[in-house]
Structure formats: C-alpha cells, structure tokens
Protein backbone atom coordinates (compact mmCIF):
# COMPACT_ATOMS: atom_id res chain seq x y z
CA MET A 1 85.87 104.01 112.59
CA GLU A 2 86.40 107.67 113.44
CA SER A 3 86.79 110.00 110.46
CA GLY A 4 89.34 112.78 109.92
CA GLY A 5 86.79 114.64 107.74
CA ARG A 6 83.34 115.80 108.68
CA GLN A 7 81.82 113.19 106.39
CA SER A 8 83.80 110.32 104.95
CA SER A 9 84.22 110.57 101.16
CA THR A 10 85.26 106.91 100.89
CA PRO A 11 83.16 105.20 98.17
CA THR A 12 81.96 101.64 98.55
CA GLY A 13 83.16 98.70 96.48
CA MET A 14 86.36 100.48 95.60
CA MET A 15 88.44 99.10 92.79
CA ALA A 16 91.66 99.20 94.80
CA ILE A 17 90.43 96.56 97.21
CA ALA A 18 89.42 94.24 94.39
CA ILE A 19 92.74 94.53 92.63
CA GLY A 20 94.58 94.28 95.95
CA ALA A 21 92.81 91.01 96.72
CA LEU A 22 93.68 89.57 93.31
CA THR A 23 97.34 90.48 93.55
CA LEU A 24 97.86 90.20 97.30
CA SER A 25 100.06 87.14 97.48
CA LEU A 26 102.33 88.09 94.58
CA ILE A 27 102.81 91.70 95.65
CA LEU A 28 103.33 90.91 99.30
CA SER A 29 105.85 88.17 98.64
CA SER A 30 107.88 90.19 96.16
CA THR A 31 107.76 93.37 98.24
CA LEU A 32 108.67 91.75 101.55
CA ALA A 33 111.47 89.81 99.90
CA HIS A 34 112.87 93.09 98.64
CA LEU A 35 112.55 94.78 102.02
CA LEU A 36 114.27 91.92 103.82
CA HIS A 37 117.28 92.16 101.51
CA THR A 38 117.60 95.95 101.40
CA PRO A 39 120.51 97.12 103.60
CA HIS A 40 119.74 100.84 103.33
CA GLU A 41 116.49 102.65 104.12
CA PRO A 42 113.90 100.93 101.91
CA THR A 43 111.87 102.79 99.34
CA ILE A 44 108.65 101.83 97.65
CA LEU A 45 109.18 99.60 94.62
CA GLN A 46 107.68 100.55 91.27
CA VAL A 47 105.40 97.55 91.07
CA THR A 48 104.72 97.95 87.37
CA ASP A 49 108.31 97.00 86.60
CA ASP A 50 107.86 93.58 88.22
CA PRO A 51 106.98 90.96 85.59
CA ASN A 52 105.57 88.65 88.26
CA ILE A 53 102.63 90.91 89.06
CA PRO A 54 99.56 90.26 86.88
CA ILE A 55 98.27 93.11 84.74
CA PRO A 56 94.49 93.76 84.72
CA SER A 57 92.75 92.98 81.43
CA SER A 58 92.61 95.62 78.70
CA ASN A 59 88.82 95.88 78.88
CA HIS A 60 88.92 96.27 82.65
CA VAL A 61 91.46 99.10 82.40
CA HIS A 62 89.57 100.86 79.58
CA ASN A 63 86.32 100.71 81.54
CA LYS A 64 87.94 102.05 84.69
CA PHE A 65 89.64 104.79 82.69
CA ARG A 66 86.36 105.93 81.11
CA VAL A 67 84.73 106.11 84.53
CA PHE A 68 87.75 108.04 85.82
CA MET A 69 87.55 110.54 82.95
CA GLU A 70 83.84 111.11 83.51
CA THR A 71 84.17 111.40 87.28
CA TYR A 72 86.97 113.97 87.21
CA GLY A 73 86.12 115.75 83.95
CA LYS A 74 89.28 114.66 82.17
CA ASN A 75 89.78 115.33 78.46
CA TYR A 76 92.81 114.67 76.29
CA SER A 77 93.52 116.66 73.14
CA THR A 78 94.89 113.84 70.96
CA GLY A 79 94.64 110.10 70.61
CA ALA A 80 98.31 109.81 71.46
CA GLU A 81 97.81 111.72 74.71
CA TYR A 82 94.80 109.53 75.55
CA MET A 83 96.85 106.36 75.09
CA HIS A 84 99.73 107.81 77.09
CA ARG A 85 97.46 108.65 80.00
CA LEU A 86 95.73 105.29 79.73
CA GLY A 87 99.09 103.57 80.11
CA ILE A 88 99.93 105.62 83.20
CA PHE A 89 96.46 104.93 84.60
CA ALA A 90 96.99 101.17 84.19
CA LYS A 91 100.29 101.39 86.07
CA ASN A 92 98.63 103.40 88.82
CA LEU A 93 95.95 100.74 89.25
CA LEU A 94 98.71 98.32 90.13
CA ARG A 95 100.49 100.89 92.26
CA ALA A 96 97.27 101.44 94.21
CA ALA A 97 97.01 97.68 94.68
CA GLU A 98 100.53 97.58 96.06
CA HIS A 99 99.75 100.45 98.40
CA GLN A 100 96.65 98.61 99.59
CA VAL A 101 98.81 95.66 100.57
CA LEU A 102 101.48 97.76 102.24
CA ASP A 103 98.94 100.05 103.92
CA PRO A 104 95.89 97.87 104.69
CA THR A 105 94.37 100.13 107.36
CA ALA A 106 93.72 102.80 104.72
CA VAL A 107 91.83 102.54 101.44
CA HIS A 108 93.78 103.10 98.22
CA GLY A 109 92.46 103.30 94.69
CA VAL A 110 91.60 105.66 91.84
CA THR A 111 91.96 109.37 92.64
CA GLN A 112 92.01 112.53 90.53
CA PHE A 113 95.76 111.97 90.16
CA SER A 114 95.56 108.50 88.62
CA ASP A 115 96.54 109.69 85.13
CA LEU A 116 99.79 111.23 86.39
CA SER A 117 103.11 109.48 86.72
CA GLU A 118 104.68 109.57 90.16
CA GLU A 119 107.20 112.14 88.90
CA GLU A 120 104.48 114.36 87.41
CA PHE A 121 102.44 114.13 90.59
CA GLN A 122 105.37 115.14 92.79
CA SER A 123 106.30 118.01 90.49
CA LEU A 124 102.77 119.42 90.18
CA TYR A 125 101.13 118.73 93.53
CA THR A 126 103.80 118.67 96.22
CA GLY A 127 106.55 121.31 96.49
CA PHE A 128 108.19 120.95 99.91
CA LYS A 129 111.77 122.06 99.23
CA GLY A 130 113.70 121.83 102.46
CA PRO A 131 116.87 120.23 103.76
CA ALA A 132 117.00 116.55 104.62
CA ALA A 133 115.23 115.68 107.84
CA ALA A 134 118.56 115.12 109.59
CA ALA A 135 119.54 118.70 108.77
CA ALA A 136 116.37 120.43 109.91
CA PRO A 137 116.46 124.23 109.60
CA LEU A 138 117.56 126.29 112.58
CA ASN A 139 115.45 129.32 111.64
CA GLY A 140 113.44 130.39 114.66
CA GLY A 141 115.13 128.14 117.22
CA GLU A 142 113.69 125.12 118.99
CA ALA A 143 110.52 125.17 121.06
CA GLU A 144 110.74 124.78 124.81
CA LYS A 145 109.69 121.43 126.22
CA LEU A 146 106.03 121.36 127.26
CA GLU A 147 104.22 119.28 129.86
CA VAL A 148 102.48 116.34 128.19
CA ASP A 149 100.53 114.96 131.14
CA GLY A 150 96.87 115.80 131.01
CA LEU A 151 96.60 116.26 127.24
CA PRO A 152 93.16 115.37 125.89
CA GLU A 153 92.79 111.89 124.46
CA SER A 154 91.59 113.38 121.16
CA PHE A 155 91.82 116.95 119.90
CA ASP A 156 90.73 118.80 116.76
CA TRP A 157 91.20 122.52 116.05
CA ARG A 158 88.40 122.40 113.47
CA ASP A 159 85.92 121.93 116.31
CA LYS A 160 87.15 125.20 117.83
CA GLY A 161 86.88 127.23 114.62
CA ALA A 162 90.61 127.68 114.01
CA VAL A 163 90.83 126.06 110.56
CA THR A 164 89.67 127.52 107.23
CA GLU A 165 88.06 125.44 104.50
CA VAL A 166 90.21 123.02 102.50
CA LYS A 167 91.90 124.85 99.65
CA MET A 168 93.22 123.75 96.26
CA GLN A 169 96.81 124.49 95.21
CA GLY A 170 96.21 123.27 91.65
CA THR A 171 99.09 122.29 89.39
CA CYS A 172 101.57 124.42 91.31
CA GLY A 173 104.17 123.16 93.76
CA SER A 174 102.98 125.60 96.41
CA CYS A 175 102.05 123.21 99.23
CA TRP A 176 104.55 125.04 101.45
CA ALA A 177 102.56 128.27 101.08
CA PHE A 178 99.28 126.59 102.08
CA SER A 179 100.94 124.93 105.06
CA THR A 180 102.32 128.33 106.12
CA THR A 181 99.04 130.22 105.81
CA GLY A 182 97.16 127.45 107.63
CA ALA A 183 99.47 127.69 110.63
CA ILE A 184 99.22 131.49 110.67
CA GLU A 185 95.43 131.41 110.30
CA GLY A 186 95.25 129.16 113.35
CA ALA A 187 97.70 131.24 115.40
CA ASN A 188 95.82 134.42 114.55
CA PHE A 189 92.54 132.80 115.59
CA ILE A 190 94.03 131.88 118.97
CA ALA A 191 95.34 135.43 119.42
CA THR A 192 92.26 137.34 118.25
CA GLY A 193 89.31 134.94 118.12
CA LYS A 194 88.90 135.74 114.41
CA LEU A 195 89.42 133.26 111.56
CA VAL A 196 90.88 135.16 108.61
CA ASN A 197 91.52 133.52 105.23
CA LEU A 198 95.09 134.49 104.29
CA SER A 199 96.89 134.82 100.96
CA GLU A 200 99.03 132.00 99.61
CA GLN A 201 99.56 134.00 96.42
CA GLN A 202 101.58 136.63 98.27
CA LEU A 203 104.04 133.92 99.26
CA VAL A 204 104.11 132.39 95.78
CA ASP A 205 104.81 135.75 94.12
CA CYS A 206 106.94 137.60 96.66
CA ASP A 207 108.85 135.20 98.90
CA HIS A 208 112.39 134.28 97.79
CA VAL A 209 113.98 133.58 101.19
CA CYS A 210 116.52 130.74 101.51
CA ASP A 211 117.16 128.45 104.46
CA ILE A 212 120.13 129.55 106.56
CA THR A 213 121.60 126.05 106.73
CA GLN A 214 121.09 125.07 103.08
CA LYS A 215 121.34 127.97 100.68
CA ASP A 216 119.74 126.17 97.73
CA ALA A 217 116.56 125.49 99.77
CA CYS A 218 114.83 128.68 98.69
CA ASP A 219 111.19 129.62 98.38
CA ASN A 220 110.46 129.62 94.66
CA GLY A 221 106.75 129.99 93.95
CA CYS A 222 105.35 126.94 92.16
CA GLY A 223 108.85 125.47 92.20
CA GLY A 224 108.63 124.68 95.91
CA GLY A 225 109.56 126.19 99.22
CA LEU A 226 109.86 125.78 102.97
CA MET A 227 107.47 126.97 105.66
CA THR A 228 110.16 128.32 108.00
CA ASN A 229 111.55 130.38 105.11
CA ALA A 230 108.07 131.80 104.59
CA TYR A 231 107.78 132.83 108.25
CA LYS A 232 111.11 134.63 107.96
CA TYR A 233 109.95 136.42 104.80
CA LEU A 234 106.73 137.54 106.50
CA ILE A 235 108.63 138.95 109.48
CA GLN A 236 110.85 140.90 107.06
CA ALA A 237 107.97 142.04 104.82
CA GLY A 238 105.79 143.12 107.70
CA GLY A 239 102.95 140.66 107.38
CA LEU A 240 100.46 138.76 105.23
CA MET A 241 97.47 140.02 103.26
CA GLU A 242 94.02 138.43 103.17
CA GLU A 243 93.08 135.99 100.42
CA SER A 244 90.36 138.37 99.21
CA ALA A 245 92.89 141.19 98.77
CA TYR A 246 95.51 138.99 97.06
CA PRO A 247 93.66 135.97 95.59
CA TYR A 248 95.27 132.71 94.55
CA SER A 249 95.92 132.13 90.84
CA GLY A 250 97.92 128.89 90.90
CA ARG A 251 100.88 130.41 89.06
CA ARG A 252 103.76 132.69 89.90
CA ASP A 253 103.33 136.31 88.89
CA GLU A 254 104.67 139.77 89.67
CA CYS A 255 104.66 140.57 93.38
CA LYS A 256 101.64 142.73 94.28
CA PHE A 257 102.16 142.93 98.02
CA ASN A 258 100.63 146.05 99.55
CA PRO A 259 101.86 146.80 103.10
CA ASP A 260 98.81 148.99 103.66
CA LYS A 261 96.60 145.89 103.40
CA ILE A 262 98.41 143.64 105.88
CA ALA A 263 95.91 141.48 107.78
CA VAL A 264 98.22 139.50 110.09
CA LYS A 265 101.76 140.05 111.35
CA VAL A 266 104.11 137.20 112.32
CA ALA A 267 105.89 137.67 115.65
CA ASN A 268 108.10 134.57 115.74
CA PHE A 269 108.28 130.86 114.97
CA THR A 270 109.91 127.77 116.42
CA ASN A 271 110.80 124.23 115.38
CA ILE A 272 109.14 121.44 117.37
CA PRO A 273 111.21 118.45 118.66
CA ILE A 274 110.72 115.08 116.97
CA ASP A 275 109.05 113.65 120.09
CA GLU A 276 105.43 113.14 119.00
CA SER A 277 104.18 113.79 122.53
CA GLN A 278 105.79 117.22 122.29
CA ILE A 279 104.21 117.71 118.88
CA ALA A 280 100.79 116.91 120.40
CA ALA A 281 101.38 119.31 123.29
CA ASN A 282 102.42 122.12 120.96
CA LEU A 283 99.43 121.41 118.74
CA VAL A 284 97.02 121.70 121.68
CA HIS A 285 98.62 124.76 123.26
CA ARG A 286 99.88 126.70 120.23
CA GLY A 287 97.51 125.87 117.40
CA PRO A 288 97.74 124.03 114.06
CA LEU A 289 101.30 123.17 113.07
CA ALA A 290 103.07 123.29 109.70
CA VAL A 291 104.66 119.92 108.90
CA GLY A 292 106.57 118.24 106.10
CA LEU A 293 106.09 114.58 105.21
CA ASN A 294 106.75 111.90 102.61
CA SER A 295 103.72 111.84 100.28
CA VAL A 296 104.50 108.47 98.64
CA PHE A 297 101.18 106.90 99.70
CA MET A 298 99.04 110.00 99.17
CA GLN A 299 98.57 109.85 95.39
CA THR A 300 96.38 106.75 95.76
CA TYR A 301 94.88 107.53 99.20
CA ILE A 302 91.08 107.56 99.50
CA GLY A 303 90.43 107.26 103.23
CA GLY A 304 91.07 105.50 106.52
CA VAL A 305 94.09 105.65 108.81
CA SER A 306 97.28 105.31 106.79
CA CYS A 307 99.86 103.24 108.66
CA PRO A 308 102.18 101.72 106.04
CA LEU A 309 104.50 98.81 106.74
CA ILE A 310 107.32 101.00 105.48
CA CYS A 311 107.48 104.70 104.57
CA GLY A 312 110.74 106.62 104.25
CA LYS A 313 111.29 109.24 106.95
CA ARG A 314 113.96 111.30 105.20
CA ARG A 315 112.39 111.87 101.80
CA LEU A 316 110.09 114.75 102.72
CA ASP A 317 108.37 116.30 99.71
CA HIS A 318 105.04 117.77 100.83
CA GLY A 319 103.99 120.53 103.22
CA VAL A 320 100.68 120.11 105.07
CA LEU A 321 98.88 121.32 108.21
CA LEU A 322 98.52 119.29 111.39
CA VAL A 323 95.14 120.21 112.93
CA GLY A 324 94.42 117.47 115.45
CA TYR A 325 94.75 113.88 116.55
CA GLY A 326 92.51 110.95 117.38
CA ALA A 327 92.87 108.17 119.91
CA LYS A 328 91.47 105.19 118.04
CA GLY A 329 92.14 104.37 114.42
CA PHE A 330 91.59 100.70 113.63
CA SER A 331 94.77 98.83 112.76
CA ILE A 332 94.76 95.34 111.27
CA LEU A 333 98.48 94.64 111.34
CA ARG A 334 99.12 96.05 114.78
CA LEU A 335 96.14 94.25 116.30
CA GLY A 336 94.46 97.08 118.09
CA ASN A 337 93.17 100.63 117.99
CA GLN A 338 96.04 102.99 117.28
CA PRO A 339 96.18 106.80 117.56
CA TYR A 340 96.45 108.97 114.46
CA TRP A 341 97.16 112.51 113.30
CA ILE A 342 94.56 114.59 111.44
CA ILE A 343 96.17 116.45 108.55
CA LYS A 344 94.72 119.17 106.33
CA ASN A 345 95.91 118.93 102.74
CA SER A 346 95.69 121.44 99.86
CA TRP A 347 94.33 119.25 97.04
CA GLY A 348 90.67 120.18 97.38
CA LYS A 349 87.78 118.40 99.07
CA ARG A 350 87.51 115.63 96.48
CA TRP A 351 90.78 114.12 97.64
CA GLY A 352 91.04 111.89 100.71
CA GLU A 353 88.54 112.36 103.53
CA ASP A 354 86.99 115.64 102.37
CA GLY A 355 90.50 116.99 101.82
CA TYR A 356 92.00 115.48 104.98
CA TYR A 357 94.51 112.70 105.60
CA ARG A 358 94.79 110.49 108.68
CA LEU A 359 98.24 109.10 109.44
CA CYS A 360 99.08 106.81 112.36
CA ARG A 361 100.70 108.54 115.30
CA GLY A 362 103.63 107.60 117.50
CA ARG A 363 106.04 106.03 114.98
CA GLY A 364 107.37 109.03 113.09
CA MET A 365 105.43 107.65 110.13
CA CYS A 366 106.52 109.06 106.75
CA GLY A 367 108.73 111.60 108.55
CA ILE A 368 105.72 113.44 110.04
CA ASN A 369 107.72 114.34 113.17
CA THR A 370 110.95 115.54 111.57
CA MET A 371 110.09 119.03 110.29
CA VAL A 372 107.34 120.58 112.41
CA SER A 373 107.03 124.29 113.15
CA ALA A 374 104.76 126.57 115.14
CA VAL A 375 104.16 130.27 114.59
CA ALA A 376 102.92 133.15 116.75
CA THR A 377 101.24 136.30 115.47
CA GLN A 378 101.18 139.89 116.69
CA VAL A 379 97.97 141.54 117.80
CA TYR A 380 97.77 145.06 116.43
C-alpha cells in the first residue's frame, strides 16, 4: 500500500481492529439499519448510546487507558478527572470500532485524542468556521476551468520541496490559519523557489475579517475562521510575517504585526469548482490548496486510505492543506485500487501517517471538494 507520509506510523496489532472484529456484526447491522431508514443526510451514530453493542471489560479498558496515558504523557489532577477521562476513553474505544466497520480501508483506534469527547475534540482541534458548503464564499471569485488531460497519475508537492514540516495547532481552533499559511507557503515556493515558514500567529492575533456572504463567519483566533477570509485580511494588511518573526503560541494575544517584517504578499485568491478533476488540475498547476472537510472520522484515524461508507458533505468543520494525490489506494468495499488525496493536517507528526491523512478521491468524500481555494503571491 502506498503511504501518504514518508514513513507509515501505523502500529501493528492495533486495538481498533480487535474491537472492530468483536463487534462487527452488531455495529454493522445496527448502523446500516439506521442508514436505510434515514430520510435526510445521514450522520454518524453515537455508538455508545446503543445498548446492543457490547462494552469491553473493565480490566481491558483500564489496561488500554494506562498504556494510552504512558504513550501520550497524560496526567490528570484528581481522581474524579481520571474517572471522567476513563469513561470518555471507553466510549471512544467503541467509537473507533464503529469507525473501523464504516471505514475498513483505513485503520482506526487509540490516538492522542482518545480521552476527549467528540464535542471537546471539535472545539479544541478543528476550527473551520465557514458557511455551509451549499453557500460557499464568493470572496476571490471562481477559478477558470483548466485542462485535465495529461495530468500525472500521481502527484505530491512534498517531493518538489513546496511543503513545510507538519505543524501543531495545539488546543486552539486555529486549523484555518494553518491551512492558509500552508497554501501561501506553497504558492510562494512556486513563485520564488524558496520555502519560507510563515506565521499562523499573525492570523490568530490580527485577523478579524468576516465572509461577505455570511457576516457571522468571521476569523476569530482560536475560536475558528475561514481561509478565504484570511487571504482577504492579508491583502488588506499588506502581507504575512515569517514564523520566526512572529512565532506560534497556541492562544490569541495582542496583535504584534510589523509591516516592516513582511515576508510574503498575497496577490489574489480563487475558489476551485467542486469537480475533483479541476481540483487536481489546480493542485498540479497552482500549488497546495486550502480545503475544508468533515473531520468526523479523523479523531480515531491512524493510517490507510479513509473511504467511509457514509460521511456528511455539508458539515465542514476542519481546515487542512491538500498537497497531492495518489493513484492506487487499496479498497476492500469497492473491490479495486482507488485514487486518494494526500492531506497535510496540523495536529503534529504523531497523528495519522506522520501528520498526514489519505482520503479517497473522486466521490466528494467528507465534503473535500466543496470549499477549496488557491492563492497567488506577489514577488517583490
């Protein structure tokens, strides 16, 4: 299997597969029954509320939790907090098992986020705050249609030196800022041949721009934001400083932008059509792209090509960076090798495939095609 990271971080004998095997028939039957009788767009069930799904033994959960705490350096200040997190961890074991059934071409299990509820995880580690996919922002206009014939079978901007190292947003809903800087870093590399590490903190502290079509979709530091808003702010402000000049702190603070230390200027930006062939063409010709997606399967993701049976396309909550695509990701359910996108995340290298996520391509999976933007920089 091809890997989206340089070296796969997928451990062997993962707990998620074992639990998924034990609960396969019950989860699959209950989940599919729900999906077949849901008239509106289906969402992922909270499996822990289903009394028909068996709960792992107390000893099993305690042992897994101790290993989790040691692996990720977790400590809890009180016994009550320990028990609270243990309870959430037990629920997330079952949630990972459900994800393994619904997304069998990927590997799901224990991650550094396994002691967080789904609501906590979304609040702390996502932060995409845009309009619904059907009301995509008009900032920047729509990209012209590109020729798609002759595109390479596989493509990866990392191989060309246009992508900085995986970063860590921490417990701050600033994914939108990392998606923005990643796209600008790539565009600046294409324009100048230089890879410059740019400042997310400038966006977190200084950017308050709102979307022109939805006035409450405003950039708000750790409270979320939108990449196209950030481009507009940078055009107005004059540009973006380097990370070294304005380092990331993981919290919102007083704006310290210094126009004398601008490293890159944004010239313009465009929204890419939902056609995934057009997305691929823009990726190849214009550089890494900022995208929004539904992160519902990402809290438990460990590796492989994620291609869920069902993943909502309108509930976008996370901003990431599209850096490439591959031609052959093994798919069990679809009986063949399927193409996939290569996505840079901002949760550090210990998450996913060395910080990367592979998502199947060509089906608008998890809304990956609904809010995509490209940016161009000025050479000065």
